[in-house]
């Protein structure tokens, strides 16, 4: 009996996903076609990358409510630097990533040094990032991006959408980090309990 409980506890998410796939296949004959599967993967790739990053936070016993607003702000900033300020694509992407890193470090500093509960700290940064996005864009979409940038969201390599390839690379990197490095083991230990980790 305990073996079944352990099995279900470990694989319940995969079993639910398989059940959903089976139900959708029975309801829609075109569901398992290669074009539809690539379309589903493309639509879920951005959320998957964000969720993979959140996995590290949740494994360590934390929570981050600000990720959606941070993604919006860094994306708008990157696009704005390219269109409005004429930055090269690579430089604008690095600036966007650096901004996301800075906001993540701010969250960490509020939790560790400010002694705030992660829920409250990240709720605050969520509001700040959302406000910064609104101020920066003035509520209007940023358009006129060059093909070198839009390729990252709409391009294909050997028939596979670029966002899906990025998602697979991020998934592989995070899996390797968690399972094959001491830092990954430390994250699991901290999530099990800080005192126990020490």
C-alpha atoms as a PDB file:
ATOM      1  CA  UNK A   1       0.000   0.000   0.000  1.00  0.00           C
ATOM      2  CA  UNK A   2       2.808   2.392   0.893  1.00  0.00           C
ATOM      3  CA  UNK A   3       4.510   1.690  -2.447  1.00  0.00           C
ATOM      4  CA  UNK A   4       1.411   2.882  -4.327  1.00  0.00           C
ATOM      5  CA  UNK A   5       1.224   5.992  -2.156  1.00  0.00           C
ATOM      6  CA  UNK A   6       4.858   6.809  -2.873  1.00  0.00           C
ATOM      7  CA  UNK A   7       4.335   6.169  -6.589  1.00  0.00           C
ATOM      8  CA  UNK A   8       1.258   8.399  -6.751  1.00  0.00           C
ATOM      9  CA  UNK A   9       2.961  11.096  -4.668  1.00  0.00           C
ATOM     10  CA  UNK A  10       5.921  11.158  -7.021  1.00  0.00           C
ATOM     11  CA  UNK A  11       4.185  10.756 -10.382  1.00  0.00           C
ATOM     12  CA  UNK A  12       0.714  12.260  -9.822  1.00  0.00           C
ATOM     13  CA  UNK A  13       1.498  15.369 -11.896  1.00  0.00           C
ATOM     14  CA  UNK A  14       2.662  13.271 -14.850  1.00  0.00           C
ATOM     15  CA  UNK A  15      -0.381  10.988 -14.572  1.00  0.00           C
ATOM     16  CA  UNK A  16      -2.757  13.975 -14.574  1.00  0.00           C
ATOM     17  CA  UNK A  17      -0.970  15.396 -17.638  1.00  0.00           C
ATOM     18  CA  UNK A  18      -1.265  12.057 -19.445  1.00  0.00           C
ATOM     19  CA  UNK A  19      -4.973  11.850 -18.552  1.00  0.00           C
ATOM     20  CA  UNK A  20      -5.496  15.360 -19.985  1.00  0.00           C
ATOM     21  CA  UNK A  21      -3.671  14.383 -23.173  1.00  0.00           C
ATOM     22  CA  UNK A  22      -5.827  11.271 -23.516  1.00  0.00           C
ATOM     23  CA  UNK A  23      -9.061  13.244 -22.949  1.00  0.00           C
ATOM     24  CA  UNK A  24      -8.069  15.938 -25.461  1.00  0.00           C
ATOM     25  CA  UNK A  25      -7.041  13.280 -28.001  1.00  0.00           C
ATOM     26  CA  UNK A  26     -10.426  11.588 -27.710  1.00  0.00           C
ATOM     27  CA  UNK A  27     -12.298  14.907 -27.937  1.00  0.00           C
ATOM     28  CA  UNK A  28     -10.273  16.373 -30.814  1.00  0.00           C
ATOM     29  CA  UNK A  29      -8.759  14.077 -33.443  1.00  0.00           C
ATOM     30  CA  UNK A  30      -6.271  16.786 -34.511  1.00  0.00           C
ATOM     31  CA  UNK A  31      -4.801  17.187 -31.022  1.00  0.00           C
ATOM     32  CA  UNK A  32      -1.864  14.795 -31.534  1.00  0.00           C
ATOM     33  CA  UNK A  33      -0.843  16.176 -34.928  1.00  0.00           C
ATOM     34  CA  UNK A  34       2.739  17.531 -35.041  1.00  0.00           C
ATOM     35  CA  UNK A  35       1.586  21.060 -35.974  1.00  0.00           C
ATOM     36  CA  UNK A  36      -0.831  21.233 -33.038  1.00  0.00           C
ATOM     37  CA  UNK A  37       1.718  19.833 -30.559  1.00  0.00           C
ATOM     38  CA  UNK A  38       4.253  22.432 -31.712  1.00  0.00           C
ATOM     39  CA  UNK A  39       1.595  25.127 -31.345  1.00  0.00           C
ATOM     40  CA  UNK A  40       0.802  24.004 -27.780  1.00  0.00           C
ATOM     41  CA  UNK A  41       4.519  23.914 -26.952  1.00  0.00           C
ATOM     42  CA  UNK A  42       4.986  27.404 -28.423  1.00  0.00           C
ATOM     43  CA  UNK A  43       2.077  28.861 -26.457  1.00  0.00           C
ATOM     44  CA  UNK A  44       3.276  27.358 -23.188  1.00  0.00           C
ATOM     45  CA  UNK A  45       7.016  27.985 -23.660  1.00  0.00           C
ATOM     46  CA  UNK A  46       7.126  31.461 -22.068  1.00  0.00           C
ATOM     47  CA  UNK A  47       5.147  30.327 -19.031  1.00  0.00           C
ATOM     48  CA  UNK A  48       7.323  27.227 -18.817  1.00  0.00           C
ATOM     49  CA  UNK A  49      10.534  29.297 -18.692  1.00  0.00           C
ATOM     50  CA  UNK A  50       9.070  31.464 -15.910  1.00  0.00           C
ATOM     51  CA  UNK A  51       7.815  28.358 -14.075  1.00  0.00           C
ATOM     52  CA  UNK A  52      11.239  26.716 -14.333  1.00  0.00           C
ATOM     53  CA  UNK A  53      12.801  29.764 -12.697  1.00  0.00           C
ATOM     54  CA  UNK A  54      10.108  29.735 -10.017  1.00  0.00           C
ATOM     55  CA  UNK A  55      10.941  26.083  -9.350  1.00  0.00           C
ATOM     56  CA  UNK A  56      14.258  27.149  -7.825  1.00  0.00           C
ATOM     57  CA  UNK A  57      12.495  29.607  -5.524  1.00  0.00           C
ATOM     58  CA  UNK A  58       9.817  27.136  -4.437  1.00  0.00           C
ATOM     59  CA  UNK A  59      12.303  24.295  -3.862  1.00  0.00           C
ATOM     60  CA  UNK A  60      14.195  26.568  -1.479  1.00  0.00           C
ATOM     61  CA  UNK A  61      10.980  27.172   0.478  1.00  0.00           C
ATOM     62  CA  UNK A  62      10.303  30.670  -0.860  1.00  0.00           C
ATOM     63  CA  UNK A  63       7.697  32.349  -3.030  1.00  0.00           C
ATOM     64  CA  UNK A  64       7.899  35.156  -5.589  1.00  0.00           C
ATOM     65  CA  UNK A  65       4.748  37.002  -6.619  1.00  0.00           C
ATOM     66  CA  UNK A  66       6.599  39.564  -8.708  1.00  0.00           C
ATOM     67  CA  UNK A  67       7.714  37.386 -11.629  1.00  0.00           C
ATOM     68  CA  UNK A  68       4.889  38.344 -14.014  1.00  0.00           C
ATOM     69  CA  UNK A  69       5.389  42.068 -13.465  1.00  0.00           C
ATOM     70  CA  UNK A  70       9.175  41.729 -13.692  1.00  0.00           C
ATOM     71  CA  UNK A  71       8.836  39.873 -17.005  1.00  0.00           C
ATOM     72  CA  UNK A  72       6.524  42.626 -18.288  1.00  0.00           C
ATOM     73  CA  UNK A  73       8.866  45.427 -17.198  1.00  0.00           C
ATOM     74  CA  UNK A  74      12.083  43.847 -18.486  1.00  0.00           C
ATOM     75  CA  UNK A  75      10.380  42.951 -21.783  1.00  0.00           C
ATOM     76  CA  UNK A  76       9.054  46.481 -22.237  1.00  0.00           C
ATOM     77  CA  UNK A  77      12.425  47.967 -21.287  1.00  0.00           C
ATOM     78  CA  UNK A  78      14.270  45.731 -23.757  1.00  0.00           C
ATOM     79  CA  UNK A  79      11.854  46.595 -26.577  1.00  0.00           C
ATOM     80  CA  UNK A  80      11.987  50.297 -25.712  1.00  0.00           C
ATOM     81  CA  UNK A  81      15.775  50.395 -25.725  1.00  0.00           C
ATOM     82  CA  UNK A  82      15.781  48.883 -29.210  1.00  0.00           C
ATOM     83  CA  UNK A  83      12.977  50.960 -30.772  1.00  0.00           C
ATOM     84  CA  UNK A  84      13.232  54.285 -28.935  1.00  0.00           C
ATOM     85  CA  UNK A  85      16.924  54.490 -28.140  1.00  0.00           C
ATOM     86  CA  UNK A  86      18.420  52.566 -31.055  1.00  0.00           C
ATOM     87  CA  UNK A  87      20.298  50.053 -28.929  1.00  0.00           C
ATOM     88  CA  UNK A  88      21.615  46.907 -30.617  1.00  0.00           C
ATOM     89  CA  UNK A  89      19.500  43.826 -29.933  1.00  0.00           C
ATOM     90  CA  UNK A  90      22.188  42.040 -27.909  1.00  0.00           C
ATOM     91  CA  UNK A  91      22.869  45.053 -25.689  1.00  0.00           C
ATOM     92  CA  UNK A  92      19.169  45.643 -25.042  1.00  0.00           C
ATOM     93  CA  UNK A  93      18.639  41.994 -24.111  1.00  0.00           C
ATOM     94  CA  UNK A  94      21.578  42.142 -21.691  1.00  0.00           C
ATOM     95  CA  UNK A  95      20.155  45.341 -20.163  1.00  0.00           C
ATOM     96  CA  UNK A  96      16.765  43.647 -19.729  1.00  0.00           C
ATOM     97  CA  UNK A  97      18.367  40.601 -18.107  1.00  0.00           C
ATOM     98  CA  UNK A  98      20.445  42.844 -15.825  1.00  0.00           C
ATOM     99  CA  UNK A  99      17.281  44.704 -14.780  1.00  0.00           C
ATOM    100  CA  UNK A 100      15.546  41.413 -13.980  1.00  0.00           C
ATOM    101  CA  UNK A 101      18.604  40.333 -11.982  1.00  0.00           C
ATOM    102  CA  UNK A 102      18.594  43.637 -10.073  1.00  0.00           C
ATOM    103  CA  UNK A 103      14.911  43.255  -9.164  1.00  0.00           C
ATOM    104  CA  UNK A 104      15.566  39.661  -8.067  1.00  0.00           C
ATOM    105  CA  UNK A 105      18.466  40.825  -5.892  1.00  0.00           C
ATOM    106  CA  UNK A 106      16.190  43.505  -4.431  1.00  0.00           C
ATOM    107  CA  UNK A 107      13.687  40.790  -3.509  1.00  0.00           C
ATOM    108  CA  UNK A 108      16.453  38.755  -1.890  1.00  0.00           C
ATOM    109  CA  UNK A 109      17.773  41.763   0.029  1.00  0.00           C
ATOM    110  CA  UNK A 110      14.287  42.622   1.319  1.00  0.00           C
ATOM    111  CA  UNK A 111      13.839  39.057   2.568  1.00  0.00           C
ATOM    112  CA  UNK A 112      17.322  38.459   4.002  1.00  0.00           C
ATOM    113  CA  UNK A 113      18.408  41.882   5.247  1.00  0.00           C
ATOM    114  CA  UNK A 114      15.036  43.565   5.609  1.00  0.00           C
ATOM    115  CA  UNK A 115      13.601  40.479   7.374  1.00  0.00           C
ATOM    116  CA  UNK A 116      10.393  40.716   5.352  1.00  0.00           C
ATOM    117  CA  UNK A 117       8.257  37.680   4.642  1.00  0.00           C
ATOM    118  CA  UNK A 118       8.825  36.671   0.963  1.00  0.00           C
ATOM    119  CA  UNK A 119       5.101  37.029   0.253  1.00  0.00           C
ATOM    120  CA  UNK A 120       5.106  40.700   1.367  1.00  0.00           C
ATOM    121  CA  UNK A 121       8.487  41.563  -0.181  1.00  0.00           C
ATOM    122  CA  UNK A 122       7.611  40.187  -3.606  1.00  0.00           C
ATOM    123  CA  UNK A 123       4.094  41.624  -3.483  1.00  0.00           C
ATOM    124  CA  UNK A 124       5.749  45.051  -3.066  1.00  0.00           C
ATOM    125  CA  UNK A 125       8.159  44.522  -5.950  1.00  0.00           C
ATOM    126  CA  UNK A 126       5.273  43.265  -8.058  1.00  0.00           C
ATOM    127  CA  UNK A 127       3.491  46.586  -7.558  1.00  0.00           C
ATOM    128  CA  UNK A 128       6.687  48.556  -8.263  1.00  0.00           C
ATOM    129  CA  UNK A 129       7.512  46.619 -11.449  1.00  0.00           C
ATOM    130  CA  UNK A 130       3.920  46.910 -12.675  1.00  0.00           C
ATOM    131  CA  UNK A 131       3.971  50.673 -12.058  1.00  0.00           C
ATOM    132  CA  UNK A 132       7.335  51.053 -13.789  1.00  0.00           C
ATOM    133  CA  UNK A 133       5.987  49.180 -16.820  1.00  0.00           C
ATOM    134  CA  UNK A 134       2.979  51.472 -17.044  1.00  0.00           C
ATOM    135  CA  UNK A 135       5.106  54.619 -16.672  1.00  0.00           C
ATOM    136  CA  UNK A 136       7.721  53.428 -19.181  1.00  0.00           C
ATOM    137  CA  UNK A 137       5.240  52.392 -21.877  1.00  0.00           C
ATOM    138  CA  UNK A 138       2.701  55.154 -21.087  1.00  0.00           C
ATOM    139  CA  UNK A 139       0.096  52.432 -21.606  1.00  0.00           C
ATOM    140  CA  UNK A 140       0.931  51.962 -25.301  1.00  0.00           C
ATOM    141  CA  UNK A 141       2.442  48.892 -26.983  1.00  0.00           C
ATOM    142  CA  UNK A 142       5.983  49.183 -28.331  1.00  0.00           C
ATOM    143  CA  UNK A 143       6.101  48.214 -32.003  1.00  0.00           C
ATOM    144  CA  UNK A 144       8.556  48.335 -34.889  1.00  0.00           C
ATOM    145  CA  UNK A 145      11.004  45.785 -33.488  1.00  0.00           C
ATOM    146  CA  UNK A 146      13.692  44.489 -35.880  1.00  0.00           C
ATOM    147  CA  UNK A 147      13.589  40.943 -37.217  1.00  0.00           C
ATOM    148  CA  UNK A 148      16.722  40.031 -35.251  1.00  0.00           C
ATOM    149  CA  UNK A 149      14.658  40.494 -32.069  1.00  0.00           C
ATOM    150  CA  UNK A 150      11.298  39.122 -33.230  1.00  0.00           C
ATOM    151  CA  UNK A 151      13.079  35.968 -34.433  1.00  0.00           C
ATOM    152  CA  UNK A 152      13.467  34.988 -30.768  1.00  0.00           C
ATOM    153  CA  UNK A 153       9.683  34.846 -30.428  1.00  0.00           C
ATOM    154  CA  UNK A 154       8.483  33.883 -33.901  1.00  0.00           C
ATOM    155  CA  UNK A 155      11.441  32.230 -35.649  1.00  0.00           C
ATOM    156  CA  UNK A 156      12.028  28.550 -36.265  1.00  0.00           C
ATOM    157  CA  UNK A 157      15.108  26.331 -36.380  1.00  0.00           C
ATOM    158  CA  UNK A 158      14.639  23.081 -38.323  1.00  0.00           C
ATOM    159  CA  UNK A 159      10.873  23.561 -38.033  1.00  0.00           C
ATOM    160  CA  UNK A 160      10.938  23.952 -34.230  1.00  0.00           C
ATOM    161  CA  UNK A 161       9.909  27.360 -32.815  1.00  0.00           C
ATOM    162  CA  UNK A 162      12.790  29.243 -31.158  1.00  0.00           C
ATOM    163  CA  UNK A 163      10.879  29.779 -27.845  1.00  0.00           C
ATOM    164  CA  UNK A 164      10.454  26.001 -27.565  1.00  0.00           C
ATOM    165  CA  UNK A 165      14.205  25.502 -28.072  1.00  0.00           C
ATOM    166  CA  UNK A 166      14.914  28.165 -25.437  1.00  0.00           C
ATOM    167  CA  UNK A 167      12.507  26.418 -23.054  1.00  0.00           C
ATOM    168  CA  UNK A 168      14.261  23.062 -23.598  1.00  0.00           C
ATOM    169  CA  UNK A 169      17.697  24.629 -22.996  1.00  0.00           C
ATOM    170  CA  UNK A 170      16.503  26.331 -19.791  1.00  0.00           C
ATOM    171  CA  UNK A 171      14.879  23.075 -18.602  1.00  0.00           C
ATOM    172  CA  UNK A 172      18.081  21.132 -19.267  1.00  0.00           C
ATOM    173  CA  UNK A 173      20.205  23.765 -17.525  1.00  0.00           C
ATOM    174  CA  UNK A 174      18.013  23.908 -14.429  1.00  0.00           C
ATOM    175  CA  UNK A 175      17.764  20.119 -14.263  1.00  0.00           C
ATOM    176  CA  UNK A 176      21.546  19.848 -14.453  1.00  0.00           C
ATOM    177  CA  UNK A 177      21.951  22.587 -11.835  1.00  0.00           C
ATOM    178  CA  UNK A 178      19.556  20.936  -9.384  1.00  0.00           C
ATOM    179  CA  UNK A 179      20.731  17.351  -9.831  1.00  0.00           C
ATOM    180  CA  UNK A 180      24.428  17.643 -10.596  1.00  0.00           C
ATOM    181  CA  UNK A 181      25.807  20.555  -8.563  1.00  0.00           C
ATOM    182  CA  UNK A 182      26.345  21.121  -4.837  1.00  0.00           C
ATOM    183  CA  UNK A 183      24.309  24.356  -5.062  1.00  0.00           C
ATOM    184  CA  UNK A 184      21.297  22.408  -6.265  1.00  0.00           C
ATOM    185  CA  UNK A 185      21.630  20.063  -3.299  1.00  0.00           C
ATOM    186  CA  UNK A 186      21.874  23.097  -1.010  1.00  0.00           C
ATOM    187  CA  UNK A 187      18.603  24.468  -2.434  1.00  0.00           C
ATOM    188  CA  UNK A 188      16.827  21.195  -1.674  1.00  0.00           C
ATOM    189  CA  UNK A 189      18.319  21.202   1.830  1.00  0.00           C
ATOM    190  CA  UNK A 190      17.228  24.777   2.554  1.00  0.00           C
ATOM    191  CA  UNK A 191      13.723  23.955   1.367  1.00  0.00           C
ATOM    192  CA  UNK A 192      13.666  21.022   3.797  1.00  0.00           C
ATOM    193  CA  UNK A 193      14.440  23.381   6.686  1.00  0.00           C
ATOM    194  CA  UNK A 194      17.088  26.033   7.276  1.00  0.00           C
ATOM    195  CA  UNK A 195      18.175  24.651  10.632  1.00  0.00           C
ATOM    196  CA  UNK A 196      18.500  21.155   9.196  1.00  0.00           C
ATOM    197  CA  UNK A 197      20.450  22.543   6.228  1.00  0.00           C
ATOM    198  CA  UNK A 198      22.983  24.153   8.561  1.00  0.00           C
END
